[in-house]
Amino acid sequence: MAAAPHHLLYEFAKAALIKIFAFPYATVCDMYCNGGADTEKWADAQAGRYIGIDASASAVSSDDRELWENKWKPFTTEFIELNPSADDFEARLQEKGIQADIVCCMQNLQLCFESEEHAKKLLNNVSSLLKPGGYFFGIIPDSSTIWTKYQKNVEASHNKGLKVVPNSIRSDNYTITFEIEEEKFPFFGKKYQLKFANEAMFENHCLVHFPSLMRLAREAGLEYVEIQNLTEFYDDNRTQFAPMLGSCGANLVDPRGKLIARSYDILGLYSTFVFQKPDPDAIPPAVTPDPDEVVCSSLPNSTRFLFTVSVVTIS
């Protein structure tokens, strides 16, 4: 049975991010690793050490670990059973001396936004694992896009004179249902369920308040680099990634490599995020860049990407 379009698009987005940030022999820490679901992607990127951290990481058998290590030398794996948003990594992992070049969180960061305490714990744990100069990146729901769609539904209901505020967003590709009907976006704990077309199961998520994410990251010692909708991320890098997405075997792009409407609708639900742990020994640039445009020329694979820095304020 062919994979559903949303699965293919999400896997593509993860692979594209890894392709940008990975470099040979890097030490990678994967938060909420889901049993090492992305291990093959990191192996293809020639990572030197992979550390998967999850509340249920012990479910991965020792036989699986040995198979990975034998197949992808010198790619070594280690799985640690800790909850990234509840446990204190600095105290629990001190003896391991982990210094990661990269920390990623491709899924579940949004669940940490059930409370400020959980989000703060996750970001402090990330900072404790990263080397100076290292990157923290991943994928989160694009709460700005989702909330804008929801507000349009609310406004339409008011214009029709309806007294009941809708609690859902619908398209041909998905349905989003909020747990509580309300018109204000709380910074934490805004829960919703996402169900894709032709899927029996739904996913539980929380909206991520971007300014709060940036504030907590800064307090944890991480500098904001970028938050970008996945449709914009794809368009900015289409020359590089169109063949990659086109090879997925599904009708996701047109002959010119542009996203078709269904792909655009699904990818638009998500954003990339990038933070960096400052390196006090790094040589500052000779020229101060335009504050609206930051060229990240120090990315590990030496590829230059133009990141437009935008702060989304959601009230």
C-alpha atoms as a PDB file:
ATOM      1  CA  MET A   1       0.000   0.000   0.000  1.00  0.00           C
ATOM      2  CA  ALA A   2       1.391   3.379  -1.036  1.00  0.00           C
ATOM      3  CA  ALA A   3       2.251   5.864   1.694  1.00  0.00           C
ATOM      4  CA  ALA A   4      -0.217   8.707   2.213  1.00  0.00           C
ATOM      5  CA  PRO A   5       0.793  12.108   0.770  1.00  0.00           C
ATOM      6  CA  HIS A   6       1.145  13.717   4.199  1.00  0.00           C
ATOM      7  CA  HIS A   7       3.556  10.974   5.294  1.00  0.00           C
ATOM      8  CA  LEU A   8       5.645  11.403   2.139  1.00  0.00           C
ATOM      9  CA  LEU A   9       5.745  15.185   2.513  1.00  0.00           C
ATOM     10  CA  TYR A  10       6.721  15.022   6.175  1.00  0.00           C
ATOM     11  CA  GLU A  11       9.473  12.479   5.490  1.00  0.00           C
ATOM     12  CA  PHE A  12      10.737  14.694   2.672  1.00  0.00           C
ATOM     13  CA  ALA A  13      10.861  17.719   4.982  1.00  0.00           C
ATOM     14  CA  LYS A  14      12.887  15.798   7.559  1.00  0.00           C
ATOM     15  CA  ALA A  15      15.304  14.504   4.930  1.00  0.00           C
ATOM     16  CA  ALA A  16      15.735  17.995   3.458  1.00  0.00           C
ATOM     17  CA  LEU A  17      16.593  19.533   6.833  1.00  0.00           C
ATOM     18  CA  ILE A  18      19.074  16.777   7.575  1.00  0.00           C
ATOM     19  CA  LYS A  19      20.662  17.290   4.169  1.00  0.00           C
ATOM     20  CA  ILE A  20      21.214  20.977   4.963  1.00  0.00           C
ATOM     21  CA  PHE A  21      22.618  20.655   8.461  1.00  0.00           C
ATOM     22  CA  ALA A  22      24.370  17.293   8.599  1.00  0.00           C
ATOM     23  CA  PHE A  23      28.068  16.879   7.959  1.00  0.00           C
ATOM     24  CA  PRO A  24      30.380  13.836   8.084  1.00  0.00           C
ATOM     25  CA  TYR A  25      31.090  12.377  11.524  1.00  0.00           C
ATOM     26  CA  ALA A  26      28.765  14.779  13.331  1.00  0.00           C
ATOM     27  CA  THR A  27      27.397  13.803  16.730  1.00  0.00           C
ATOM     28  CA  VAL A  28      23.619  13.984  16.522  1.00  0.00           C
ATOM     29  CA  CYS A  29      21.071  13.995  19.352  1.00  0.00           C
ATOM     30  CA  ASP A  30      17.527  13.168  18.230  1.00  0.00           C
ATOM     31  CA  MET A  31      14.843  14.297  20.688  1.00  0.00           C
ATOM     32  CA  TYR A  32      11.681  12.152  20.698  1.00  0.00           C
ATOM     33  CA  CYS A  33      13.492   9.781  18.355  1.00  0.00           C
ATOM     34  CA  ASN A  34      10.545   7.376  18.008  1.00  0.00           C
ATOM     35  CA  GLY A  35      12.776   4.308  18.189  1.00  0.00           C
ATOM     36  CA  GLY A  36      15.273   5.717  15.711  1.00  0.00           C
ATOM     37  CA  ALA A  37      12.794   6.279  12.885  1.00  0.00           C
ATOM     38  CA  ASP A  38      15.187   8.664  11.097  1.00  0.00           C
ATOM     39  CA  THR A  39      18.366   6.656  11.654  1.00  0.00           C
ATOM     40  CA  GLU A  40      18.704   5.799   7.985  1.00  0.00           C
ATOM     41  CA  LYS A  41      18.522   9.467   6.998  1.00  0.00           C
ATOM     42  CA  TRP A  42      21.354  10.318   9.397  1.00  0.00           C
ATOM     43  CA  ALA A  43      23.357   7.353   8.149  1.00  0.00           C
ATOM     44  CA  ASP A  44      23.002   8.592   4.568  1.00  0.00           C
ATOM     45  CA  ALA A  45      24.274  11.966   5.800  1.00  0.00           C
ATOM     46  CA  GLN A  46      27.397  10.216   7.188  1.00  0.00           C
ATOM     47  CA  ALA A  47      26.819  11.164  10.812  1.00  0.00           C
ATOM     48  CA  GLY A  48      29.437   9.672  13.088  1.00  0.00           C
ATOM     49  CA  ARG A  49      27.356   9.163  16.218  1.00  0.00           C
ATOM     50  CA  TYR A  50      23.609   9.035  16.704  1.00  0.00           C
ATOM     51  CA  ILE A  51      22.007   9.400  20.134  1.00  0.00           C
ATOM     52  CA  GLY A  52      18.269   8.822  20.245  1.00  0.00           C
ATOM     53  CA  ILE A  53      16.429  10.118  23.289  1.00  0.00           C
ATOM     54  CA  ASP A  54      12.838   9.220  24.033  1.00  0.00           C
ATOM     55  CA  ALA A  55      10.643   8.310  26.967  1.00  0.00           C
ATOM     56  CA  SER A  56      10.329   4.837  25.391  1.00  0.00           C
ATOM     57  CA  ALA A  57      13.741   4.463  23.750  1.00  0.00           C
ATOM     58  CA  SER A  58      14.338   1.149  25.535  1.00  0.00           C
ATOM     59  CA  ALA A  59      11.692  -0.394  23.284  1.00  0.00           C
ATOM     60  CA  VAL A  60      14.337  -0.513  20.557  1.00  0.00           C
ATOM     61  CA  SER A  61      15.926  -3.956  20.813  1.00  0.00           C
ATOM     62  CA  SER A  62      19.658  -4.559  21.081  1.00  0.00           C
ATOM     63  CA  ASP A  63      19.394  -6.640  17.890  1.00  0.00           C
ATOM     64  CA  ASP A  64      18.150  -3.578  15.984  1.00  0.00           C
ATOM     65  CA  ARG A  65      21.001  -1.464  17.316  1.00  0.00           C
ATOM     66  CA  GLU A  66      23.584  -4.051  16.300  1.00  0.00           C
ATOM     67  CA  LEU A  67      22.081  -4.284  12.809  1.00  0.00           C
ATOM     68  CA  TRP A  68      22.294  -0.504  12.332  1.00  0.00           C
ATOM     69  CA  GLU A  69      25.877  -0.343  13.533  1.00  0.00           C
ATOM     70  CA  ASN A  70      26.974  -3.245  11.330  1.00  0.00           C
ATOM     71  CA  LYS A  71      25.226  -1.863   8.259  1.00  0.00           C
ATOM     72  CA  TRP A  72      26.307   1.756   8.527  1.00  0.00           C
ATOM     73  CA  LYS A  73      29.812   1.884   9.957  1.00  0.00           C
ATOM     74  CA  PRO A  74      31.206   4.096  11.406  1.00  0.00           C
ATOM     75  CA  PHE A  75      27.697   5.212  12.355  1.00  0.00           C
ATOM     76  CA  THR A  76      27.278   4.264  16.021  1.00  0.00           C
ATOM     77  CA  THR A  77      23.963   4.438  17.832  1.00  0.00           C
ATOM     78  CA  GLU A  78      22.906   4.877  21.420  1.00  0.00           C
ATOM     79  CA  PHE A  79      19.393   5.057  22.807  1.00  0.00           C
ATOM     80  CA  ILE A  80      18.612   6.726  26.106  1.00  0.00           C
ATOM     81  CA  GLU A  81      15.294   6.473  27.911  1.00  0.00           C
ATOM     82  CA  LEU A  82      14.573   9.960  29.202  1.00  0.00           C
ATOM     83  CA  ASN A  83      11.671  12.359  28.769  1.00  0.00           C
ATOM     84  CA  PRO A  84      13.071  15.479  27.025  1.00  0.00           C
ATOM     85  CA  SER A  85      10.434  17.756  28.565  1.00  0.00           C
ATOM     86  CA  ALA A  86      10.434  16.338  32.099  1.00  0.00           C
ATOM     87  CA  ASP A  87      13.848  14.895  33.022  1.00  0.00           C
ATOM     88  CA  ASP A  88      16.974  16.897  33.860  1.00  0.00           C
ATOM     89  CA  PHE A  89      19.544  15.881  31.232  1.00  0.00           C
ATOM     90  CA  GLU A  90      22.409  17.789  32.807  1.00  0.00           C
ATOM     91  CA  ALA A  91      22.092  15.761  36.002  1.00  0.00           C
ATOM     92  CA  ARG A  92      21.234  12.424  34.357  1.00  0.00           C
ATOM     93  CA  LEU A  93      23.732  12.482  31.471  1.00  0.00           C
ATOM     94  CA  GLN A  94      26.690  14.218  33.100  1.00  0.00           C
ATOM     95  CA  GLU A  95      28.759  11.029  33.204  1.00  0.00           C
ATOM     96  CA  LYS A  96      28.232  10.452  29.475  1.00  0.00           C
ATOM     97  CA  GLY A  97      29.778  13.801  28.567  1.00  0.00           C
ATOM     98  CA  ILE A  98      27.595  14.246  25.479  1.00  0.00           C
ATOM     99  CA  GLN A  99      28.559  17.243  23.339  1.00  0.00           C
ATOM    100  CA  ALA A 100      26.376  17.225  20.239  1.00  0.00           C
ATOM    101  CA  ASP A 101      27.076  19.090  17.019  1.00  0.00           C
ATOM    102  CA  ILE A 102      23.371  18.859  16.205  1.00  0.00           C
ATOM    103  CA  VAL A 103      20.222  18.418  18.261  1.00  0.00           C
ATOM    104  CA  CYS A 104      17.032  17.866  16.291  1.00  0.00           C
ATOM    105  CA  CYS A 105      13.382  17.467  17.174  1.00  0.00           C
ATOM    106  CA  MET A 106      11.416  16.389  14.121  1.00  0.00           C
ATOM    107  CA  GLN A 107       8.238  15.669  16.020  1.00  0.00           C
ATOM    108  CA  ASN A 108       6.572  16.265  19.379  1.00  0.00           C
ATOM    109  CA  LEU A 109       8.161  19.606  20.291  1.00  0.00           C
ATOM    110  CA  GLN A 110       4.630  20.965  20.094  1.00  0.00           C
ATOM    111  CA  LEU A 111       3.506  18.611  22.864  1.00  0.00           C
ATOM    112  CA  CYS A 112       5.948  20.378  25.204  1.00  0.00           C
ATOM    113  CA  PHE A 113       3.818  23.497  24.776  1.00  0.00           C
ATOM    114  CA  GLU A 114       1.136  21.962  26.927  1.00  0.00           C
ATOM    115  CA  SER A 115       2.830  23.985  29.666  1.00  0.00           C
ATOM    116  CA  GLU A 116       5.596  26.570  29.974  1.00  0.00           C
ATOM    117  CA  GLU A 117       7.410  24.308  32.435  1.00  0.00           C
ATOM    118  CA  HIS A 118       7.686  21.478  29.900  1.00  0.00           C
ATOM    119  CA  ALA A 119       8.787  23.770  27.073  1.00  0.00           C
ATOM    120  CA  LYS A 120      11.417  25.371  29.293  1.00  0.00           C
ATOM    121  CA  LYS A 121      12.747  21.973  30.395  1.00  0.00           C
ATOM    122  CA  LEU A 122      13.095  20.784  26.792  1.00  0.00           C
ATOM    123  CA  LEU A 123      15.036  23.865  25.691  1.00  0.00           C
ATOM    124  CA  ASN A 124      17.320  23.771  28.729  1.00  0.00           C
ATOM    125  CA  ASN A 125      18.037  20.112  27.968  1.00  0.00           C
ATOM    126  CA  VAL A 126      18.833  20.956  24.352  1.00  0.00           C
ATOM    127  CA  SER A 127      21.236  23.682  25.409  1.00  0.00           C
ATOM    128  CA  SER A 128      22.993  21.352  27.855  1.00  0.00           C
ATOM    129  CA  LEU A 129      23.678  18.853  25.052  1.00  0.00           C
ATOM    130  CA  LEU A 130      24.824  21.239  22.306  1.00  0.00           C
ATOM    131  CA  LYS A 131      28.410  22.236  21.640  1.00  0.00           C
ATOM    132  CA  PRO A 132      29.028  25.979  21.238  1.00  0.00           C
ATOM    133  CA  GLY A 133      28.195  26.765  17.628  1.00  0.00           C
ATOM    134  CA  GLY A 134      25.890  23.751  17.339  1.00  0.00           C
ATOM    135  CA  TYR A 135      22.402  23.867  15.834  1.00  0.00           C
ATOM    136  CA  PHE A 136      18.999  22.902  17.191  1.00  0.00           C
ATOM    137  CA  PHE A 137      16.424  22.440  14.444  1.00  0.00           C
ATOM    138  CA  GLY A 138      13.306  20.530  13.520  1.00  0.00           C
ATOM    139  CA  ILE A 139       9.679  20.741  12.462  1.00  0.00           C
ATOM    140  CA  ILE A 140       6.692  22.148  14.341  1.00  0.00           C
ATOM    141  CA  PRO A 141       3.105  23.015  13.441  1.00  0.00           C
ATOM    142  CA  ASP A 142       2.864  26.444  11.843  1.00  0.00           C
ATOM    143  CA  SER A 143       0.656  27.900  14.531  1.00  0.00           C
ATOM    144  CA  SER A 144       0.445  31.253  12.743  1.00  0.00           C
ATOM    145  CA  THR A 145      -1.054  29.623   9.645  1.00  0.00           C
ATOM    146  CA  ILE A 146      -3.373  27.355  11.628  1.00  0.00           C
ATOM    147  CA  TRP A 147      -4.629  30.144  13.886  1.00  0.00           C
ATOM    148  CA  THR A 148      -5.189  32.491  10.939  1.00  0.00           C
ATOM    149  CA  LYS A 149      -7.359  29.832   9.269  1.00  0.00           C
ATOM    150  CA  TYR A 150      -9.291  29.379  12.496  1.00  0.00           C
ATOM    151  CA  GLN A 151      -9.827  33.122  12.970  1.00  0.00           C
ATOM    152  CA  LYS A 152     -11.245  33.353   9.443  1.00  0.00           C
ATOM    153  CA  ASN A 153     -13.796  30.683  10.387  1.00  0.00           C
ATOM    154  CA  VAL A 154     -14.707  32.584  13.548  1.00  0.00           C
ATOM    155  CA  GLU A 155     -15.067  35.846  11.619  1.00  0.00           C
ATOM    156  CA  ALA A 156     -17.270  34.154   9.025  1.00  0.00           C
ATOM    157  CA  SER A 157     -19.501  32.819  11.813  1.00  0.00           C
ATOM    158  CA  HIS A 158     -19.836  36.270  13.343  1.00  0.00           C
ATOM    159  CA  ASN A 159     -20.696  37.749   9.937  1.00  0.00           C
ATOM    160  CA  LYS A 160     -23.472  35.159   9.606  1.00  0.00           C
ATOM    161  CA  GLY A 161     -24.826  36.130  13.005  1.00  0.00           C
ATOM    162  CA  LEU A 162     -24.068  32.743  14.563  1.00  0.00           C
ATOM    163  CA  LYS A 163     -23.683  32.692  18.341  1.00  0.00           C
ATOM    164  CA  VAL A 164     -21.647  29.473  18.489  1.00  0.00           C
ATOM    165  CA  VAL A 165     -17.916  29.800  17.809  1.00  0.00           C
ATOM    166  CA  PRO A 166     -16.649  26.985  15.541  1.00  0.00           C
ATOM    167  CA  ASN A 167     -13.950  24.737  16.944  1.00  0.00           C
ATOM    168  CA  SER A 168     -12.616  23.252  13.708  1.00  0.00           C
ATOM    169  CA  ILE A 169     -10.861  23.940  10.410  1.00  0.00           C
ATOM    170  CA  ARG A 170     -11.598  21.811   7.359  1.00  0.00           C
ATOM    171  CA  SER A 171     -10.007  21.387   3.964  1.00  0.00           C
ATOM    172  CA  ASP A 172     -10.080  18.625   1.367  1.00  0.00           C
ATOM    173  CA  ASN A 173      -6.916  17.224   2.936  1.00  0.00           C
ATOM    174  CA  TYR A 174      -7.410  17.464   6.688  1.00  0.00           C
ATOM    175  CA  THR A 175      -9.601  18.461   9.620  1.00  0.00           C
ATOM    176  CA  ILE A 176      -8.284  20.305  12.674  1.00  0.00           C
ATOM    177  CA  THR A 177     -10.474  20.280  15.770  1.00  0.00           C
ATOM    178  CA  PHE A 178      -9.619  22.369  18.822  1.00  0.00           C
ATOM    179  CA  GLU A 179     -10.259  20.929  22.258  1.00  0.00           C
ATOM    180  CA  ILE A 180     -11.835  24.143  23.534  1.00  0.00           C
ATOM    181  CA  GLU A 181     -13.864  26.700  21.604  1.00  0.00           C
ATOM    182  CA  GLU A 182     -12.202  30.050  22.239  1.00  0.00           C
ATOM    183  CA  GLU A 183     -11.194  33.076  20.229  1.00  0.00           C
ATOM    184  CA  LYS A 184      -7.990  33.876  22.110  1.00  0.00           C
ATOM    185  CA  PHE A 185      -4.701  32.075  21.484  1.00  0.00           C
ATOM    186  CA  PRO A 186      -3.164  31.143  24.870  1.00  0.00           C
ATOM    187  CA  PHE A 187       0.627  30.964  24.953  1.00  0.00           C
ATOM    188  CA  PHE A 188       0.542  27.385  26.250  1.00  0.00           C
ATOM    189  CA  GLY A 189      -1.924  24.517  26.357  1.00  0.00           C
ATOM    190  CA  LYS A 190      -3.929  25.211  23.180  1.00  0.00           C
ATOM    191  CA  LYS A 191      -4.676  21.598  22.215  1.00  0.00           C
ATOM    192  CA  TYR A 192      -6.065  20.328  18.939  1.00  0.00           C
ATOM    193  CA  GLN A 193      -6.528  17.136  16.958  1.00  0.00           C
ATOM    194  CA  LEU A 194      -5.360  16.755  13.367  1.00  0.00           C
ATOM    195  CA  LYS A 195      -6.947  14.149  11.108  1.00  0.00           C
ATOM    196  CA  PHE A 196      -5.844  13.741   7.515  1.00  0.00           C
ATOM    197  CA  ALA A 197      -8.228  12.678   4.745  1.00  0.00           C
ATOM    198  CA  ASN A 198      -8.596   8.898   4.391  1.00  0.00           C
ATOM    199  CA  GLU A 199      -6.920   8.346   7.781  1.00  0.00           C
ATOM    200  CA  ALA A 200      -8.792   6.606  10.584  1.00  0.00           C
ATOM    201  CA  MET A 201      -6.593   7.937  13.380  1.00  0.00           C
ATOM    202  CA  PHE A 202      -6.038  11.498  14.529  1.00  0.00           C
ATOM    203  CA  GLU A 203      -2.922  13.162  15.933  1.00  0.00           C
ATOM    204  CA  ASN A 204      -2.838  15.153  19.176  1.00  0.00           C
ATOM    205  CA  HIS A 205      -0.971  18.464  19.070  1.00  0.00           C
ATOM    206  CA  CYS A 206      -0.577  21.802  20.831  1.00  0.00           C
ATOM    207  CA  LEU A 207      -0.135  25.122  19.087  1.00  0.00           C
ATOM    208  CA  VAL A 208       3.354  26.564  19.519  1.00  0.00           C
ATOM    209  CA  HIS A 209       3.362  30.254  20.389  1.00  0.00           C
ATOM    210  CA  PHE A 210       6.400  31.372  18.385  1.00  0.00           C
ATOM    211  CA  PRO A 211       7.363  34.428  20.485  1.00  0.00           C
ATOM    212  CA  SER A 212       7.265  32.239  23.612  1.00  0.00           C
ATOM    213  CA  LEU A 213       9.412  29.602  21.906  1.00  0.00           C
ATOM    214  CA  MET A 214      11.965  32.271  20.989  1.00  0.00           C
ATOM    215  CA  ARG A 215      11.908  33.764  24.494  1.00  0.00           C
ATOM    216  CA  LEU A 216      12.409  30.426  26.250  1.00  0.00           C
ATOM    217  CA  ALA A 217      15.147  29.441  23.803  1.00  0.00           C
ATOM    218  CA  ARG A 218      16.950  32.716  24.479  1.00  0.00           C
ATOM    219  CA  GLU A 219      16.672  32.145  28.227  1.00  0.00           C
ATOM    220  CA  ALA A 220      18.187  28.681  27.707  1.00  0.00           C
ATOM    221  CA  GLY A 221      21.150  30.177  25.836  1.00  0.00           C
ATOM    222  CA  LEU A 222      20.020  29.510  22.266  1.00  0.00           C
ATOM    223  CA  GLU A 223      19.966  32.197  19.575  1.00  0.00           C
ATOM    224  CA  TYR A 224      17.068  32.411  17.145  1.00  0.00           C
ATOM    225  CA  VAL A 225      17.986  31.864  13.497  1.00  0.00           C
ATOM    226  CA  GLU A 226      14.755  31.111  11.674  1.00  0.00           C
ATOM    227  CA  ILE A 227      11.162  29.957  11.757  1.00  0.00           C
ATOM    228  CA  GLN A 228       9.865  29.386   8.235  1.00  0.00           C
ATOM    229  CA  ASN A 229       6.744  27.807   6.790  1.00  0.00           C
ATOM    230  CA  LEU A 230       7.562  24.594   4.941  1.00  0.00           C
ATOM    231  CA  THR A 231       6.042  25.876   1.695  1.00  0.00           C
ATOM    232  CA  GLU A 232       8.431  28.851   1.776  1.00  0.00           C
ATOM    233  CA  PHE A 233      11.288  26.571   2.789  1.00  0.00           C
ATOM    234  CA  TYR A 234      10.597  24.399  -0.254  1.00  0.00           C
ATOM    235  CA  ASP A 235      10.225  27.350  -2.639  1.00  0.00           C
ATOM    236  CA  ASP A 236      13.491  28.902  -1.424  1.00  0.00           C
ATOM    237  CA  ASN A 237      15.360  25.649  -2.067  1.00  0.00           C
ATOM    238  CA  ARG A 238      13.280  24.233  -4.927  1.00  0.00           C
ATOM    239  CA  THR A 239      16.203  23.832  -7.322  1.00  0.00           C
ATOM    240  CA  GLN A 240      17.900  21.506  -4.867  1.00  0.00           C
ATOM    241  CA  PHE A 241      14.886  19.662  -3.491  1.00  0.00           C
ATOM    242  CA  ALA A 242      12.418  19.367  -6.402  1.00  0.00           C
ATOM    243  CA  PRO A 243      14.128  16.205  -7.761  1.00  0.00           C
ATOM    244  CA  MET A 244      14.161  14.783  -4.242  1.00  0.00           C
ATOM    245  CA  LEU A 245      10.428  15.353  -3.729  1.00  0.00           C
ATOM    246  CA  GLY A 246       9.619  14.281  -7.269  1.00  0.00           C
ATOM    247  CA  SER A 247      11.291  10.926  -6.661  1.00  0.00           C
ATOM    248  CA  CYS A 248       8.873  10.068  -3.841  1.00  0.00           C
ATOM    249  CA  GLY A 249       6.689   8.298  -6.384  1.00  0.00           C
ATOM    250  CA  ALA A 250       3.518  10.285  -5.727  1.00  0.00           C
ATOM    251  CA  ASN A 251       1.932  13.231  -7.484  1.00  0.00           C
ATOM    252  CA  LEU A 252       3.315  15.913  -5.148  1.00  0.00           C
ATOM    253  CA  VAL A 253       4.827  18.433  -7.585  1.00  0.00           C
ATOM    254  CA  ASP A 254       4.084  19.549 -11.132  1.00  0.00           C
ATOM    255  CA  PRO A 255       6.511  19.034 -14.052  1.00  0.00           C
ATOM    256  CA  ARG A 256       8.286  22.299 -13.147  1.00  0.00           C
ATOM    257  CA  GLY A 257       8.878  21.110  -9.595  1.00  0.00           C
ATOM    258  CA  LYS A 258       6.283  23.435  -8.045  1.00  0.00           C
ATOM    259  CA  LEU A 259       4.076  22.120  -5.253  1.00  0.00           C
ATOM    260  CA  ILE A 260       0.616  21.079  -6.404  1.00  0.00           C
ATOM    261  CA  ALA A 261      -2.351  22.413  -4.406  1.00  0.00           C
ATOM    262  CA  ARG A 262      -2.653  19.350  -2.159  1.00  0.00           C
ATOM    263  CA  SER A 263       1.051  19.386  -1.274  1.00  0.00           C
ATOM    264  CA  TYR A 264       0.942  23.125  -0.625  1.00  0.00           C
ATOM    265  CA  ASP A 265      -2.063  22.751   1.667  1.00  0.00           C
ATOM    266  CA  ILE A 266      -0.456  19.969   3.729  1.00  0.00           C
ATOM    267  CA  LEU A 267       3.068  21.393   3.930  1.00  0.00           C
ATOM    268  CA  GLY A 268       1.611  24.744   4.930  1.00  0.00           C
ATOM    269  CA  LEU A 269       0.571  23.247   8.270  1.00  0.00           C
ATOM    270  CA  TYR A 270       4.209  23.018   9.350  1.00  0.00           C
ATOM    271  CA  SER A 271       7.273  25.186   9.876  1.00  0.00           C
ATOM    272  CA  THR A 272      10.963  24.593  10.236  1.00  0.00           C
ATOM    273  CA  PHE A 273      12.712  26.099  13.237  1.00  0.00           C
ATOM    274  CA  VAL A 274      16.429  26.761  13.691  1.00  0.00           C
ATOM    275  CA  PHE A 275      18.346  27.919  16.767  1.00  0.00           C
ATOM    276  CA  GLN A 276      22.081  28.042  17.436  1.00  0.00           C
ATOM    277  CA  LYS A 277      24.113  27.863  20.627  1.00  0.00           C
ATOM    278  CA  PRO A 278      26.521  30.828  20.547  1.00  0.00           C
ATOM    279  CA  ASP A 279      30.229  30.121  20.262  1.00  0.00           C
ATOM    280  CA  PRO A 280      32.191  32.696  22.300  1.00  0.00           C
ATOM    281  CA  ASP A 281      35.346  31.844  20.346  1.00  0.00           C
ATOM    282  CA  ALA A 282      33.764  32.452  16.940  1.00  0.00           C
ATOM    283  CA  ILE A 283      35.154  35.351  14.923  1.00  0.00           C
ATOM    284  CA  PRO A 284      32.392  37.951  14.389  1.00  0.00           C
ATOM    285  CA  PRO A 285      31.622  39.074  10.822  1.00  0.00           C
ATOM    286  CA  ALA A 286      33.582  42.084   9.578  1.00  0.00           C
ATOM    287  CA  VAL A 287      30.432  43.736   8.234  1.00  0.00           C
ATOM    288  CA  THR A 288      27.148  44.028  10.091  1.00  0.00           C
ATOM    289  CA  PRO A 289      24.466  42.311   7.961  1.00  0.00           C
ATOM    290  CA  ASP A 290      21.095  43.764   7.097  1.00  0.00           C
ATOM    291  CA  PRO A 291      18.916  43.021  10.154  1.00  0.00           C
ATOM    292  CA  ASP A 292      16.132  41.732   7.904  1.00  0.00           C
ATOM    293  CA  GLU A 293      18.331  39.193   6.154  1.00  0.00           C
ATOM    294  CA  VAL A 294      20.767  36.785   7.728  1.00  0.00           C
ATOM    295  CA  VAL A 295      22.931  34.665   5.443  1.00  0.00           C
ATOM    296  CA  CYS A 296      23.869  31.505   7.285  1.00  0.00           C
ATOM    297  CA  SER A 297      27.199  30.814   5.609  1.00  0.00           C
ATOM    298  CA  SER A 298      28.430  28.782   8.558  1.00  0.00           C
ATOM    299  CA  LEU A 299      26.037  25.885   8.089  1.00  0.00           C
ATOM    300  CA  PRO A 300      27.885  22.583   8.443  1.00  0.00           C
ATOM    301  CA  ASN A 301      27.659  21.493   4.804  1.00  0.00           C
ATOM    302  CA  SER A 302      28.988  24.863   3.563  1.00  0.00           C
ATOM    303  CA  THR A 303      25.827  25.525   1.558  1.00  0.00           C
ATOM    304  CA  ARG A 304      24.571  29.097   1.748  1.00  0.00           C
ATOM    305  CA  PHE A 305      20.886  29.621   2.417  1.00  0.00           C
ATOM    306  CA  LEU A 306      19.203  32.996   2.730  1.00  0.00           C
ATOM    307  CA  PHE A 307      17.018  33.069   5.813  1.00  0.00           C
ATOM    308  CA  THR A 308      14.538  35.902   6.127  1.00  0.00           C
ATOM    309  CA  VAL A 309      14.147  36.504   9.826  1.00  0.00           C
ATOM    310  CA  SER A 310      10.552  37.242  10.728  1.00  0.00           C
ATOM    311  CA  VAL A 311       8.933  37.347  14.128  1.00  0.00           C
ATOM    312  CA  VAL A 312       5.285  36.351  14.101  1.00  0.00           C
ATOM    313  CA  THR A 313       3.284  37.994  16.855  1.00  0.00           C
ATOM    314  CA  ILE A 314       0.128  36.135  17.754  1.00  0.00           C
ATOM    315  CA  SER A 315      -2.307  37.653  20.191  1.00  0.00           C
END
